[in-house]
Amino acid sequence: MMSNVLGVIIGVIVVVVGLILLIIWWPMFVKGLMATLPILLILIGAGVLIYYISEIKSKAELEKEEKASAKEGKKE
């Protein structure tokens, strides 16, 4: 029971200190965000492109396999 209360107290202290530092260092936070956001968007965009290109390729392969199996079924 005491450890839960201690965890809540530490959590509140950390949140308050974080908010104070965010207010004090707001200009540096914004500059850091401005520096990180374009790189993050580039990486996320590249990941999305890779994912959907591979999905398109796998769908095309499945369609080829279905056509091939349909042709084999007609021969029998």
Foldseek 3Di string as FASTA:
>chain_A
DVVVVVVVVVVVVVVVVVVVVCVVCVVVVVVVCVVPVVVVVVVVVVVVVVVVVVVVVVVVVVVVVVVVVVVVVVVD
